[in-house]
Amino acid sequence: MTGNGVERTSRAAATRQLIIEAAERLFAERGVTAVSNRQVSEAAGQGNNTAVGYHFGGKADLVRAIVRHRYERVEHLREEMLEQVRGSREVRDWVSCLVLPMTRHLAASGSPTWFARFAAQAATEPAFAAMITEEALNSPVLNEVRAGLDACLPELPRSVRQQRAEMARTLMVHTVADRERALADGTEPSAESWDEAAHGLIDALTGMWTAPVTPLH
């Protein structure tokens, strides 16, 4: 590749990053469907209002790019945790592997952050929620964590397992988003630190996963 080609590639990568960051913030604050590609382009400082379409195609591709941008960092932290708990028979160890990578990433990113609120907004839109789930299911690390959790709960009926997985996902997404929102708004969050918030969430989820199942017959 020539020098000019390298420069163009570098500029394109920088522009894509600016768009990802602007879109994450706008989607977090206003909702994914409420924000147009034109608004994202303007917020990213792009004079060309078709910049989103040029670099990403459509909004769905932009949402996927935001998710992959963040998941790459979160999954690296999860992989490190997995090395420590692999083979454990403790539910709490596996729940920690689900919660701590995200909260540690947010803590390390400073304030304000937008990804937790972005994820909560996207979760309200079926198409985008399905996309985020698809990306998660493509992660070998996350799938190993889920399998480790399942192995700790062999007696839990399949229907109950699915129900509690949905409840756990909702609780994680919105609890983390609520704290991120409080920090951004300057209001007092329920937990003093991301670490305290994470361990409170881990306690709650561990209790939920290990709760007895009420017989219906």
N, C-alpha and C. Protein backbone atom coordinates (compact mmCIF):
# COMPACT_ATOMS: atom_id res chain seq x y z
N MET A 1 0.84 -1.19 0.00
CA MET A 1 0.00 0.00 0.00
C MET A 1 0.89 1.25 0.00
N THR A 2 0.53 2.23 -0.84
CA THR A 2 1.32 3.46 -0.92
C THR A 2 1.10 4.32 0.32
N GLY A 3 1.96 5.36 0.45
CA GLY A 3 1.82 6.26 1.58
C GLY A 3 0.46 6.91 1.62
N ASN A 4 -0.04 7.32 0.42
CA ASN A 4 -1.37 7.93 0.36
C ASN A 4 -2.46 6.94 0.77
N GLY A 5 -2.26 5.69 0.38
CA GLY A 5 -3.25 4.67 0.74
C GLY A 5 -3.29 4.44 2.23
N VAL A 6 -2.13 4.40 2.86
CA VAL A 6 -2.06 4.22 4.32
C VAL A 6 -2.73 5.40 5.01
N GLU A 7 -2.48 6.61 4.50
CA GLU A 7 -3.06 7.80 5.11
C GLU A 7 -4.58 7.78 4.99
N ARG A 8 -5.09 7.38 3.83
CA ARG A 8 -6.55 7.31 3.64
C ARG A 8 -7.16 6.28 4.58
N THR A 9 -6.49 5.14 4.72
CA THR A 9 -7.00 4.09 5.61
C THR A 9 -7.01 4.57 7.05
N SER A 10 -5.96 5.28 7.44
CA SER A 10 -5.87 5.81 8.80
C SER A 10 -6.98 6.83 9.06
N ARG A 11 -7.22 7.71 8.08
CA ARG A 11 -8.27 8.72 8.23
C ARG A 11 -9.64 8.06 8.33
N ALA A 12 -9.84 7.03 7.51
CA ALA A 12 -11.13 6.34 7.54
C ALA A 12 -11.36 5.67 8.88
N ALA A 13 -10.31 5.05 9.44
CA ALA A 13 -10.43 4.40 10.74
C ALA A 13 -10.73 5.42 11.83
N ALA A 14 -10.09 6.58 11.76
CA ALA A 14 -10.32 7.64 12.75
C ALA A 14 -11.75 8.16 12.64
N THR A 15 -12.24 8.31 11.42
CA THR A 15 -13.61 8.79 11.21
C THR A 15 -14.62 7.77 11.74
N ARG A 16 -14.37 6.50 11.47
CA ARG A 16 -15.26 5.45 11.99
C ARG A 16 -15.32 5.50 13.52
N GLN A 17 -14.18 5.71 14.15
CA GLN A 17 -14.14 5.76 15.61
C GLN A 17 -14.92 6.96 16.13
N LEU A 18 -14.78 8.10 15.49
CA LEU A 18 -15.54 9.29 15.88
C LEU A 18 -17.04 9.05 15.76
N ILE A 19 -17.44 8.38 14.71
CA ILE A 19 -18.86 8.08 14.50
C ILE A 19 -19.37 7.11 15.56
N ILE A 20 -18.60 6.07 15.85
CA ILE A 20 -18.99 5.10 16.87
C ILE A 20 -19.20 5.80 18.22
N GLU A 21 -18.27 6.66 18.60
CA GLU A 21 -18.35 7.34 19.89
C GLU A 21 -19.54 8.30 19.94
N ALA A 22 -19.76 9.02 18.85
CA ALA A 22 -20.89 9.95 18.82
C ALA A 22 -22.21 9.20 18.85
N ALA A 23 -22.30 8.12 18.10
CA ALA A 23 -23.54 7.34 18.06
C ALA A 23 -23.84 6.71 19.40
N GLU A 24 -22.81 6.16 20.06
CA GLU A 24 -23.01 5.54 21.37
C GLU A 24 -23.61 6.56 22.34
N ARG A 25 -23.07 7.78 22.33
CA ARG A 25 -23.57 8.82 23.25
C ARG A 25 -25.00 9.22 22.91
N LEU A 26 -25.28 9.48 21.64
CA LEU A 26 -26.62 9.91 21.25
C LEU A 26 -27.65 8.81 21.47
N PHE A 27 -27.31 7.58 21.12
CA PHE A 27 -28.24 6.48 21.33
C PHE A 27 -28.51 6.28 22.82
N ALA A 28 -27.47 6.45 23.65
CA ALA A 28 -27.63 6.29 25.09
C ALA A 28 -28.57 7.35 25.66
N GLU A 29 -28.44 8.57 25.17
CA GLU A 29 -29.20 9.68 25.74
C GLU A 29 -30.62 9.78 25.18
N ARG A 30 -30.82 9.40 23.91
CA ARG A 30 -32.11 9.65 23.26
C ARG A 30 -32.84 8.40 22.80
N GLY A 31 -32.13 7.28 22.71
CA GLY A 31 -32.74 6.07 22.16
C GLY A 31 -32.24 5.84 20.75
N VAL A 32 -32.16 4.58 20.36
CA VAL A 32 -31.57 4.26 19.06
C VAL A 32 -32.43 4.73 17.91
N THR A 33 -33.74 4.49 17.98
CA THR A 33 -34.60 4.84 16.85
C THR A 33 -34.87 6.34 16.75
N ALA A 34 -34.64 7.07 17.85
CA ALA A 34 -34.94 8.51 17.85
C ALA A 34 -33.83 9.34 17.21
N VAL A 35 -32.70 8.73 16.95
CA VAL A 35 -31.54 9.46 16.42
C VAL A 35 -31.33 9.09 14.95
N SER A 36 -31.19 10.09 14.11
CA SER A 36 -30.97 9.84 12.68
C SER A 36 -29.49 9.72 12.37
N ASN A 37 -29.20 9.10 11.23
CA ASN A 37 -27.80 9.02 10.78
C ASN A 37 -27.22 10.42 10.56
N ARG A 38 -28.05 11.33 10.12
CA ARG A 38 -27.59 12.71 9.91
C ARG A 38 -27.14 13.34 11.23
N GLN A 39 -27.91 13.11 12.30
CA GLN A 39 -27.55 13.65 13.61
C GLN A 39 -26.25 13.05 14.12
N VAL A 40 -26.06 11.77 13.87
CA VAL A 40 -24.81 11.12 14.28
C VAL A 40 -23.63 11.72 13.52
N SER A 41 -23.79 11.90 12.22
CA SER A 41 -22.72 12.48 11.41
C SER A 41 -22.34 13.87 11.91
N GLU A 42 -23.35 14.68 12.22
CA GLU A 42 -23.10 16.03 12.71
C GLU A 42 -22.38 16.00 14.06
N ALA A 43 -22.84 15.13 14.96
CA ALA A 43 -22.22 15.03 16.29
C ALA A 43 -20.78 14.54 16.20
N ALA A 44 -20.48 13.78 15.15
CA ALA A 44 -19.12 13.27 14.96
C ALA A 44 -18.23 14.28 14.25
N GLY A 45 -18.80 15.46 13.94
CA GLY A 45 -18.01 16.51 13.30
C GLY A 45 -17.77 16.29 11.82
N GLN A 46 -18.67 15.54 11.19
CA GLN A 46 -18.51 15.24 9.77
C GLN A 46 -19.36 16.19 8.93
N GLY A 47 -18.71 16.93 8.06
CA GLY A 47 -19.43 17.84 7.20
C GLY A 47 -20.35 17.12 6.23
N ASN A 48 -19.98 15.90 5.87
CA ASN A 48 -20.80 15.10 4.97
C ASN A 48 -21.84 14.35 5.78
N ASN A 49 -23.11 14.68 5.59
CA ASN A 49 -24.17 14.07 6.39
C ASN A 49 -24.46 12.63 6.03
N THR A 50 -23.79 12.14 5.00
CA THR A 50 -23.96 10.73 4.63
C THR A 50 -22.81 9.88 5.15
N ALA A 51 -22.03 10.44 6.08
CA ALA A 51 -20.84 9.73 6.57
C ALA A 51 -21.18 8.39 7.21
N VAL A 52 -22.28 8.32 7.95
CA VAL A 52 -22.67 7.05 8.59
C VAL A 52 -22.93 6.00 7.53
N GLY A 53 -23.69 6.37 6.51
CA GLY A 53 -23.99 5.42 5.44
C GLY A 53 -22.74 4.97 4.70
N TYR A 54 -21.83 5.91 4.48
CA TYR A 54 -20.60 5.59 3.77
C TYR A 54 -19.73 4.61 4.55
N HIS A 55 -19.59 4.84 5.85
CA HIS A 55 -18.68 4.03 6.65
C HIS A 55 -19.32 2.78 7.24
N PHE A 56 -20.65 2.78 7.42
CA PHE A 56 -21.28 1.64 8.11
C PHE A 56 -22.44 1.02 7.35
N GLY A 57 -22.98 1.69 6.38
CA GLY A 57 -24.13 1.15 5.69
C GLY A 57 -25.41 1.68 6.30
N GLY A 58 -25.98 0.95 7.24
CA GLY A 58 -27.21 1.38 7.90
C GLY A 58 -27.05 1.44 9.40
N LYS A 59 -28.14 1.82 10.07
CA LYS A 59 -28.09 1.96 11.53
C LYS A 59 -27.81 0.63 12.21
N ALA A 60 -28.34 -0.45 11.68
CA ALA A 60 -28.10 -1.76 12.29
C ALA A 60 -26.61 -2.09 12.29
N ASP A 61 -25.93 -1.76 11.21
CA ASP A 61 -24.49 -2.01 11.14
C ASP A 61 -23.72 -1.12 12.12
N LEU A 62 -24.22 0.09 12.32
CA LEU A 62 -23.58 1.00 13.27
C LEU A 62 -23.76 0.48 14.70
N VAL A 63 -24.95 0.01 15.03
CA VAL A 63 -25.20 -0.57 16.35
C VAL A 63 -24.28 -1.76 16.58
N ARG A 64 -24.15 -2.60 15.58
CA ARG A 64 -23.28 -3.77 15.71
C ARG A 64 -21.82 -3.35 15.93
N ALA A 65 -21.41 -2.29 15.25
CA ALA A 65 -20.03 -1.81 15.40
C ALA A 65 -19.78 -1.30 16.81
N ILE A 66 -20.76 -0.61 17.40
CA ILE A 66 -20.62 -0.13 18.78
C ILE A 66 -20.47 -1.31 19.73
N VAL A 67 -21.33 -2.31 19.55
CA VAL A 67 -21.29 -3.50 20.41
C VAL A 67 -19.94 -4.20 20.30
N ARG A 68 -19.46 -4.38 19.10
CA ARG A 68 -18.18 -5.08 18.91
C ARG A 68 -17.02 -4.27 19.47
N HIS A 69 -17.09 -2.96 19.33
CA HIS A 69 -16.04 -2.08 19.86
C HIS A 69 -15.89 -2.26 21.37
N ARG A 70 -17.02 -2.31 22.07
CA ARG A 70 -16.99 -2.46 23.52
C ARG A 70 -16.75 -3.90 23.95
N TYR A 71 -17.39 -4.84 23.28
CA TYR A 71 -17.27 -6.24 23.68
C TYR A 71 -15.84 -6.74 23.58
N GLU A 72 -15.10 -6.20 22.65
CA GLU A 72 -13.70 -6.63 22.51
C GLU A 72 -12.94 -6.40 23.81
N ARG A 73 -13.17 -5.27 24.46
CA ARG A 73 -12.49 -4.94 25.70
C ARG A 73 -13.07 -5.73 26.88
N VAL A 74 -14.39 -5.82 26.92
CA VAL A 74 -15.05 -6.53 28.01
C VAL A 74 -14.68 -8.01 27.97
N GLU A 75 -14.65 -8.60 26.79
CA GLU A 75 -14.36 -10.02 26.68
C GLU A 75 -12.91 -10.34 27.06
N HIS A 76 -12.02 -9.39 26.85
CA HIS A 76 -10.64 -9.61 27.28
C HIS A 76 -10.59 -9.74 28.80
N LEU A 77 -11.33 -8.89 29.51
CA LEU A 77 -11.39 -8.98 30.97
C LEU A 77 -12.07 -10.28 31.40
N ARG A 78 -13.10 -10.69 30.66
CA ARG A 78 -13.81 -11.92 31.01
C ARG A 78 -12.92 -13.14 30.82
N GLU A 79 -12.11 -13.12 29.79
CA GLU A 79 -11.20 -14.23 29.54
C GLU A 79 -10.20 -14.37 30.68
N GLU A 80 -9.72 -13.24 31.21
CA GLU A 80 -8.80 -13.29 32.34
C GLU A 80 -9.48 -13.89 33.57
N MET A 81 -10.73 -13.52 33.81
CA MET A 81 -11.46 -14.07 34.95
C MET A 81 -11.74 -15.55 34.77
N LEU A 82 -12.04 -15.94 33.55
CA LEU A 82 -12.35 -17.34 33.27
C LEU A 82 -11.18 -18.25 33.63
N GLU A 83 -9.98 -17.78 33.39
CA GLU A 83 -8.80 -18.56 33.74
C GLU A 83 -8.75 -18.86 35.23
N GLN A 84 -9.30 -17.98 36.04
CA GLN A 84 -9.25 -18.13 37.49
C GLN A 84 -10.35 -19.04 38.03
N VAL A 85 -11.48 -19.12 37.33
CA VAL A 85 -12.63 -19.86 37.88
C VAL A 85 -12.93 -21.16 37.13
N ARG A 86 -12.22 -21.40 36.05
CA ARG A 86 -12.49 -22.60 35.25
C ARG A 86 -12.46 -23.84 36.14
N GLY A 87 -13.53 -24.65 36.06
CA GLY A 87 -13.64 -25.86 36.87
C GLY A 87 -14.37 -25.66 38.19
N SER A 88 -14.70 -24.40 38.53
CA SER A 88 -15.39 -24.12 39.79
C SER A 88 -16.81 -24.69 39.77
N ARG A 89 -17.29 -25.08 40.94
CA ARG A 89 -18.66 -25.54 41.10
C ARG A 89 -19.48 -24.54 41.91
N GLU A 90 -18.98 -23.31 42.03
CA GLU A 90 -19.66 -22.27 42.78
C GLU A 90 -20.41 -21.34 41.83
N VAL A 91 -21.71 -21.21 42.02
CA VAL A 91 -22.53 -20.34 41.17
C VAL A 91 -21.98 -18.91 41.18
N ARG A 92 -21.60 -18.45 42.35
CA ARG A 92 -21.14 -17.07 42.47
C ARG A 92 -19.92 -16.80 41.59
N ASP A 93 -19.03 -17.76 41.44
CA ASP A 93 -17.85 -17.56 40.60
C ASP A 93 -18.25 -17.26 39.16
N TRP A 94 -19.23 -18.02 38.66
CA TRP A 94 -19.65 -17.86 37.27
C TRP A 94 -20.47 -16.59 37.08
N VAL A 95 -21.29 -16.25 38.07
CA VAL A 95 -22.05 -15.00 38.00
C VAL A 95 -21.07 -13.82 38.00
N SER A 96 -20.01 -13.91 38.79
CA SER A 96 -19.00 -12.86 38.81
C SER A 96 -18.38 -12.67 37.44
N CYS A 97 -18.20 -13.76 36.71
CA CYS A 97 -17.64 -13.69 35.35
C CYS A 97 -18.58 -12.98 34.38
N LEU A 98 -19.86 -12.98 34.70
CA LEU A 98 -20.83 -12.28 33.86
C LEU A 98 -20.87 -10.79 34.18
N VAL A 99 -20.74 -10.44 35.44
CA VAL A 99 -20.94 -9.06 35.88
C VAL A 99 -19.66 -8.22 35.87
N LEU A 100 -18.62 -8.72 36.49
CA LEU A 100 -17.43 -7.91 36.75
C LEU A 100 -16.71 -7.38 35.50
N PRO A 101 -16.62 -8.14 34.41
CA PRO A 101 -15.93 -7.57 33.24
C PRO A 101 -16.55 -6.26 32.76
N MET A 102 -17.88 -6.19 32.76
CA MET A 102 -18.54 -4.96 32.32
C MET A 102 -18.31 -3.83 33.31
N THR A 103 -18.52 -4.07 34.59
CA THR A 103 -18.37 -2.99 35.56
C THR A 103 -16.92 -2.53 35.67
N ARG A 104 -15.99 -3.45 35.54
CA ARG A 104 -14.58 -3.05 35.58
C ARG A 104 -14.19 -2.23 34.35
N HIS A 105 -14.75 -2.58 33.22
CA HIS A 105 -14.50 -1.80 32.00
C HIS A 105 -15.04 -0.38 32.16
N LEU A 106 -16.25 -0.26 32.69
CA LEU A 106 -16.84 1.06 32.88
C LEU A 106 -16.06 1.87 33.91
N ALA A 107 -15.63 1.22 34.98
CA ALA A 107 -14.84 1.90 36.00
C ALA A 107 -13.53 2.42 35.42
N ALA A 108 -12.90 1.63 34.57
CA ALA A 108 -11.62 2.02 33.98
C ALA A 108 -11.78 3.10 32.92
N SER A 109 -12.99 3.28 32.41
CA SER A 109 -13.23 4.24 31.34
C SER A 109 -13.46 5.65 31.84
N GLY A 110 -13.57 5.82 33.17
CA GLY A 110 -13.83 7.15 33.72
C GLY A 110 -15.30 7.50 33.59
N SER A 111 -15.61 8.78 33.81
CA SER A 111 -17.00 9.23 33.75
C SER A 111 -17.05 10.56 33.01
N PRO A 112 -18.03 10.75 32.12
CA PRO A 112 -19.15 9.84 31.89
C PRO A 112 -18.82 8.73 30.91
N THR A 113 -19.61 7.67 30.98
CA THR A 113 -19.60 6.61 29.99
C THR A 113 -21.02 6.51 29.44
N TRP A 114 -21.17 5.82 28.33
CA TRP A 114 -22.48 5.73 27.69
C TRP A 114 -22.89 4.31 27.31
N PHE A 115 -21.95 3.36 27.36
CA PHE A 115 -22.26 2.05 26.79
C PHE A 115 -23.38 1.34 27.54
N ALA A 116 -23.43 1.43 28.87
CA ALA A 116 -24.48 0.73 29.62
C ALA A 116 -25.86 1.26 29.25
N ARG A 117 -25.96 2.60 29.12
CA ARG A 117 -27.25 3.19 28.73
C ARG A 117 -27.57 2.87 27.28
N PHE A 118 -26.57 2.86 26.43
CA PHE A 118 -26.79 2.44 25.05
C PHE A 118 -27.37 1.03 24.99
N ALA A 119 -26.77 0.10 25.76
CA ALA A 119 -27.24 -1.28 25.77
C ALA A 119 -28.68 -1.37 26.29
N ALA A 120 -29.00 -0.56 27.31
CA ALA A 120 -30.36 -0.57 27.85
C ALA A 120 -31.35 -0.03 26.83
N GLN A 121 -30.96 1.02 26.10
CA GLN A 121 -31.84 1.57 25.06
C GLN A 121 -32.03 0.56 23.94
N ALA A 122 -30.95 -0.07 23.49
CA ALA A 122 -31.04 -1.04 22.41
C ALA A 122 -31.88 -2.24 22.81
N ALA A 123 -31.84 -2.59 24.10
CA ALA A 123 -32.60 -3.76 24.58
C ALA A 123 -34.11 -3.56 24.48
N THR A 124 -34.55 -2.30 24.36
CA THR A 124 -35.99 -2.04 24.25
C THR A 124 -36.51 -2.20 22.82
N GLU A 125 -35.59 -2.34 21.86
CA GLU A 125 -35.96 -2.51 20.46
C GLU A 125 -35.68 -3.96 20.05
N PRO A 126 -36.70 -4.75 19.74
CA PRO A 126 -36.51 -6.18 19.47
C PRO A 126 -35.39 -6.51 18.48
N ALA A 127 -35.33 -5.76 17.38
CA ALA A 127 -34.33 -6.07 16.35
C ALA A 127 -32.92 -5.84 16.88
N PHE A 128 -32.71 -4.75 17.58
CA PHE A 128 -31.39 -4.45 18.12
C PHE A 128 -31.06 -5.35 19.30
N ALA A 129 -32.06 -5.68 20.11
CA ALA A 129 -31.84 -6.60 21.22
C ALA A 129 -31.40 -7.96 20.70
N ALA A 130 -32.03 -8.42 19.62
CA ALA A 130 -31.66 -9.70 19.03
C ALA A 130 -30.23 -9.66 18.48
N MET A 131 -29.84 -8.51 17.95
CA MET A 131 -28.48 -8.36 17.42
C MET A 131 -27.45 -8.45 18.55
N ILE A 132 -27.73 -7.79 19.67
CA ILE A 132 -26.80 -7.84 20.80
C ILE A 132 -26.70 -9.27 21.33
N THR A 133 -27.83 -9.97 21.41
CA THR A 133 -27.83 -11.37 21.85
C THR A 133 -27.02 -12.23 20.89
N GLU A 134 -27.17 -11.98 19.61
CA GLU A 134 -26.43 -12.74 18.59
C GLU A 134 -24.93 -12.53 18.76
N GLU A 135 -24.52 -11.29 18.98
CA GLU A 135 -23.10 -11.01 19.18
C GLU A 135 -22.58 -11.72 20.42
N ALA A 136 -23.38 -11.73 21.48
CA ALA A 136 -22.96 -12.39 22.73
C ALA A 136 -22.81 -13.89 22.51
N LEU A 137 -23.74 -14.48 21.77
CA LEU A 137 -23.70 -15.92 21.55
C LEU A 137 -22.54 -16.34 20.65
N ASN A 138 -21.94 -15.38 19.95
CA ASN A 138 -20.79 -15.68 19.11
C ASN A 138 -19.48 -15.65 19.90
N SER A 139 -19.57 -15.35 21.19
CA SER A 139 -18.37 -15.27 22.03
C SER A 139 -18.07 -16.62 22.68
N PRO A 140 -16.98 -17.28 22.31
CA PRO A 140 -16.63 -18.55 22.95
C PRO A 140 -16.42 -18.41 24.45
N VAL A 141 -15.86 -17.28 24.87
CA VAL A 141 -15.60 -17.05 26.30
C VAL A 141 -16.92 -16.97 27.06
N LEU A 142 -17.85 -16.17 26.55
CA LEU A 142 -19.14 -16.03 27.24
C LEU A 142 -19.90 -17.34 27.24
N ASN A 143 -19.82 -18.09 26.15
CA ASN A 143 -20.50 -19.38 26.10
C ASN A 143 -19.91 -20.36 27.11
N GLU A 144 -18.61 -20.29 27.35
CA GLU A 144 -18.01 -21.16 28.35
C GLU A 144 -18.47 -20.76 29.76
N VAL A 145 -18.61 -19.47 29.99
CA VAL A 145 -19.12 -19.00 31.28
C VAL A 145 -20.55 -19.49 31.50
N ARG A 146 -21.37 -19.37 30.47
CA ARG A 146 -22.76 -19.83 30.60
C ARG A 146 -22.82 -21.33 30.85
N ALA A 147 -21.96 -22.08 30.18
CA ALA A 147 -21.91 -23.52 30.38
C ALA A 147 -21.45 -23.86 31.80
N GLY A 148 -20.49 -23.09 32.32
CA GLY A 148 -20.02 -23.30 33.68
C GLY A 148 -21.12 -23.05 34.69
N LEU A 149 -21.91 -22.01 34.46
CA LEU A 149 -23.04 -21.72 35.34
C LEU A 149 -24.08 -22.84 35.27
N ASP A 150 -24.40 -23.27 34.07
CA ASP A 150 -25.37 -24.36 33.91
C ASP A 150 -24.92 -25.62 34.64
N ALA A 151 -23.62 -25.91 34.61
CA ALA A 151 -23.11 -27.12 35.24
C ALA A 151 -23.27 -27.09 36.76
N CYS A 152 -23.37 -25.89 37.32
CA CYS A 152 -23.57 -25.75 38.77
C CYS A 152 -25.02 -25.94 39.18
N LEU A 153 -25.92 -25.98 38.19
CA LEU A 153 -27.36 -26.04 38.49
C LEU A 153 -28.02 -27.18 37.72
N PRO A 154 -27.53 -28.41 37.88
CA PRO A 154 -28.02 -29.52 37.07
C PRO A 154 -29.49 -29.87 37.32
N GLU A 155 -30.00 -29.55 38.51
CA GLU A 155 -31.38 -29.91 38.85
C GLU A 155 -32.40 -28.85 38.43
N LEU A 156 -31.93 -27.72 37.94
CA LEU A 156 -32.85 -26.64 37.58
C LEU A 156 -33.56 -26.98 36.28
N PRO A 157 -34.91 -27.03 36.28
CA PRO A 157 -35.64 -27.36 35.05
C PRO A 157 -35.32 -26.38 33.92
N ARG A 158 -35.40 -26.87 32.71
CA ARG A 158 -35.03 -26.06 31.54
C ARG A 158 -35.86 -24.77 31.46
N SER A 159 -37.16 -24.88 31.69
CA SER A 159 -38.02 -23.70 31.60
C SER A 159 -37.65 -22.66 32.65
N VAL A 160 -37.32 -23.12 33.85
CA VAL A 160 -36.92 -22.21 34.92
C VAL A 160 -35.56 -21.59 34.60
N ARG A 161 -34.67 -22.39 34.05
CA ARG A 161 -33.35 -21.89 33.66
C ARG A 161 -33.48 -20.75 32.64
N GLN A 162 -34.35 -20.94 31.63
CA GLN A 162 -34.54 -19.92 30.61
C GLN A 162 -35.16 -18.65 31.21
N GLN A 163 -36.14 -18.84 32.09
CA GLN A 163 -36.79 -17.70 32.72
C GLN A 163 -35.79 -16.90 33.56
N ARG A 164 -34.98 -17.59 34.32
CA ARG A 164 -34.03 -16.89 35.18
C ARG A 164 -32.91 -16.24 34.37
N ALA A 165 -32.57 -16.84 33.25
CA ALA A 165 -31.56 -16.21 32.38
C ALA A 165 -32.07 -14.88 31.84
N GLU A 166 -33.34 -14.84 31.46
CA GLU A 166 -33.93 -13.59 30.98
C GLU A 166 -33.99 -12.55 32.09
N MET A 167 -34.38 -12.99 33.29
CA MET A 167 -34.44 -12.08 34.43
C MET A 167 -33.04 -11.54 34.77
N ALA A 168 -32.05 -12.42 34.73
CA ALA A 168 -30.68 -12.02 35.03
C ALA A 168 -30.18 -11.00 34.02
N ARG A 169 -30.47 -11.23 32.75
CA ARG A 169 -30.03 -10.31 31.69
C ARG A 169 -30.67 -8.93 31.89
N THR A 170 -31.96 -8.91 32.19
CA THR A 170 -32.65 -7.64 32.40
C THR A 170 -32.09 -6.90 33.61
N LEU A 171 -31.88 -7.63 34.70
CA LEU A 171 -31.36 -7.01 35.91
C LEU A 171 -29.96 -6.45 35.69
N MET A 172 -29.11 -7.20 35.01
CA MET A 172 -27.75 -6.72 34.77
C MET A 172 -27.76 -5.47 33.89
N VAL A 173 -28.49 -5.51 32.79
CA VAL A 173 -28.49 -4.39 31.85
C VAL A 173 -28.97 -3.11 32.52
N HIS A 174 -30.09 -3.19 33.23
CA HIS A 174 -30.70 -1.97 33.75
C HIS A 174 -30.07 -1.49 35.05
N THR A 175 -29.56 -2.40 35.86
CA THR A 175 -28.87 -1.97 37.07
C THR A 175 -27.61 -1.19 36.73
N VAL A 176 -26.85 -1.71 35.79
CA VAL A 176 -25.62 -1.03 35.38
C VAL A 176 -25.93 0.29 34.68
N ALA A 177 -26.98 0.29 33.84
CA ALA A 177 -27.36 1.53 33.14
C ALA A 177 -27.84 2.59 34.12
N ASP A 178 -28.57 2.19 35.15
CA ASP A 178 -29.07 3.16 36.13
C ASP A 178 -27.92 3.84 36.86
N ARG A 179 -26.88 3.07 37.21
CA ARG A 179 -25.74 3.69 37.90
C ARG A 179 -24.98 4.62 36.94
N GLU A 180 -24.80 4.19 35.72
CA GLU A 180 -24.12 5.04 34.74
C GLU A 180 -24.89 6.34 34.55
N ARG A 181 -26.22 6.25 34.49
CA ARG A 181 -27.05 7.44 34.31
C ARG A 181 -26.93 8.39 35.50
N ALA A 182 -26.94 7.84 36.70
CA ALA A 182 -26.80 8.66 37.90
C ALA A 182 -25.47 9.40 37.91
N LEU A 183 -24.40 8.72 37.53
CA LEU A 183 -23.08 9.35 37.48
C LEU A 183 -23.06 10.47 36.44
N ALA A 184 -23.67 10.23 35.30
CA ALA A 184 -23.68 11.24 34.24
C ALA A 184 -24.52 12.45 34.63
N ASP A 185 -25.61 12.21 35.37
CA ASP A 185 -26.51 13.30 35.77
C ASP A 185 -26.02 14.04 37.01
N GLY A 186 -25.02 13.47 37.67
CA GLY A 186 -24.52 14.11 38.88
C GLY A 186 -25.38 13.83 40.11
N THR A 187 -26.26 12.84 40.02
CA THR A 187 -27.07 12.45 41.17
C THR A 187 -26.36 11.33 41.92
N GLU A 188 -26.80 11.08 43.14
CA GLU A 188 -26.13 10.10 43.98
C GLU A 188 -26.57 8.68 43.61
N PRO A 189 -25.67 7.83 43.14
CA PRO A 189 -26.05 6.46 42.81
C PRO A 189 -26.26 5.64 44.08
N SER A 190 -26.93 4.51 43.94
CA SER A 190 -27.24 3.67 45.10
C SER A 190 -25.99 3.01 45.67
N ALA A 191 -24.96 2.83 44.86
CA ALA A 191 -23.70 2.25 45.33
C ALA A 191 -22.58 3.28 45.16
N GLU A 192 -21.65 3.30 46.09
CA GLU A 192 -20.61 4.32 46.07
C GLU A 192 -19.58 4.10 44.97
N SER A 193 -19.39 2.85 44.54
CA SER A 193 -18.38 2.56 43.53
C SER A 193 -18.91 1.49 42.59
N TRP A 194 -18.24 1.36 41.44
CA TRP A 194 -18.61 0.29 40.51
C TRP A 194 -18.39 -1.08 41.16
N ASP A 195 -17.35 -1.20 41.98
CA ASP A 195 -17.08 -2.48 42.63
C ASP A 195 -18.21 -2.84 43.59
N GLU A 196 -18.67 -1.86 44.36
CA GLU A 196 -19.78 -2.11 45.29
C GLU A 196 -21.06 -2.46 44.52
N ALA A 197 -21.31 -1.74 43.44
CA ALA A 197 -22.49 -2.03 42.63
C ALA A 197 -22.42 -3.44 42.05
N ALA A 198 -21.23 -3.81 41.58
CA ALA A 198 -21.05 -5.13 40.97
C ALA A 198 -21.31 -6.24 41.98
N HIS A 199 -20.76 -6.11 43.18
CA HIS A 199 -20.91 -7.19 44.15
C HIS A 199 -22.34 -7.26 44.70
N GLY A 200 -23.03 -6.13 44.77
CA GLY A 200 -24.44 -6.17 45.12
C GLY A 200 -25.25 -6.90 44.07
N LEU A 201 -24.92 -6.65 42.81
CA LEU A 201 -25.60 -7.33 41.71
C LEU A 201 -25.28 -8.81 41.70
N ILE A 202 -24.03 -9.16 41.96
CA ILE A 202 -23.62 -10.56 42.01
C ILE A 202 -24.36 -11.29 43.14
N ASP A 203 -24.48 -10.64 44.30
CA ASP A 203 -25.23 -11.24 45.42
C ASP A 203 -26.67 -11.54 45.00
N ALA A 204 -27.32 -10.55 44.36
CA ALA A 204 -28.72 -10.70 43.97
C ALA A 204 -28.90 -11.81 42.94
N LEU A 205 -28.02 -11.83 41.94
CA LEU A 205 -28.13 -12.83 40.88
C LEU A 205 -27.82 -14.23 41.40
N THR A 206 -26.86 -14.34 42.29
CA THR A 206 -26.54 -15.65 42.87
C THR A 206 -27.74 -16.16 43.65
N GLY A 207 -28.37 -15.27 44.42
CA GLY A 207 -29.57 -15.66 45.15
C GLY A 207 -30.70 -16.09 44.23
N MET A 208 -30.86 -15.39 43.13
CA MET A 208 -31.91 -15.74 42.18
C MET A 208 -31.67 -17.10 41.54
N TRP A 209 -30.43 -17.33 41.09
CA TRP A 209 -30.12 -18.59 40.42
C TRP A 209 -30.26 -19.79 41.36
N THR A 210 -29.97 -19.59 42.61
CA THR A 210 -29.97 -20.72 43.57
C THR A 210 -31.26 -20.81 44.37
N ALA A 211 -32.23 -19.94 44.11
CA ALA A 211 -33.50 -19.95 44.84
C ALA A 211 -34.26 -21.25 44.54
N PRO A 212 -35.01 -21.76 45.52
CA PRO A 212 -35.81 -22.96 45.28
C PRO A 212 -36.89 -22.71 44.25
N VAL A 213 -37.31 -23.77 43.58
CA VAL A 213 -38.36 -23.67 42.56
C VAL A 213 -39.67 -24.11 43.20
N THR A 214 -40.67 -23.24 43.11
CA THR A 214 -41.97 -23.56 43.68
C THR A 214 -42.71 -24.54 42.79
N PRO A 215 -43.09 -25.73 43.32
CA PRO A 215 -43.84 -26.70 42.50
C PRO A 215 -45.24 -26.16 42.22
N LEU A 216 -45.70 -26.33 40.99
CA LEU A 216 -47.02 -25.84 40.60
C LEU A 216 -48.10 -26.91 40.68
N HIS A 217 -47.72 -28.14 40.90
CA HIS A 217 -48.71 -29.22 40.97
C HIS A 217 -48.54 -30.01 42.26
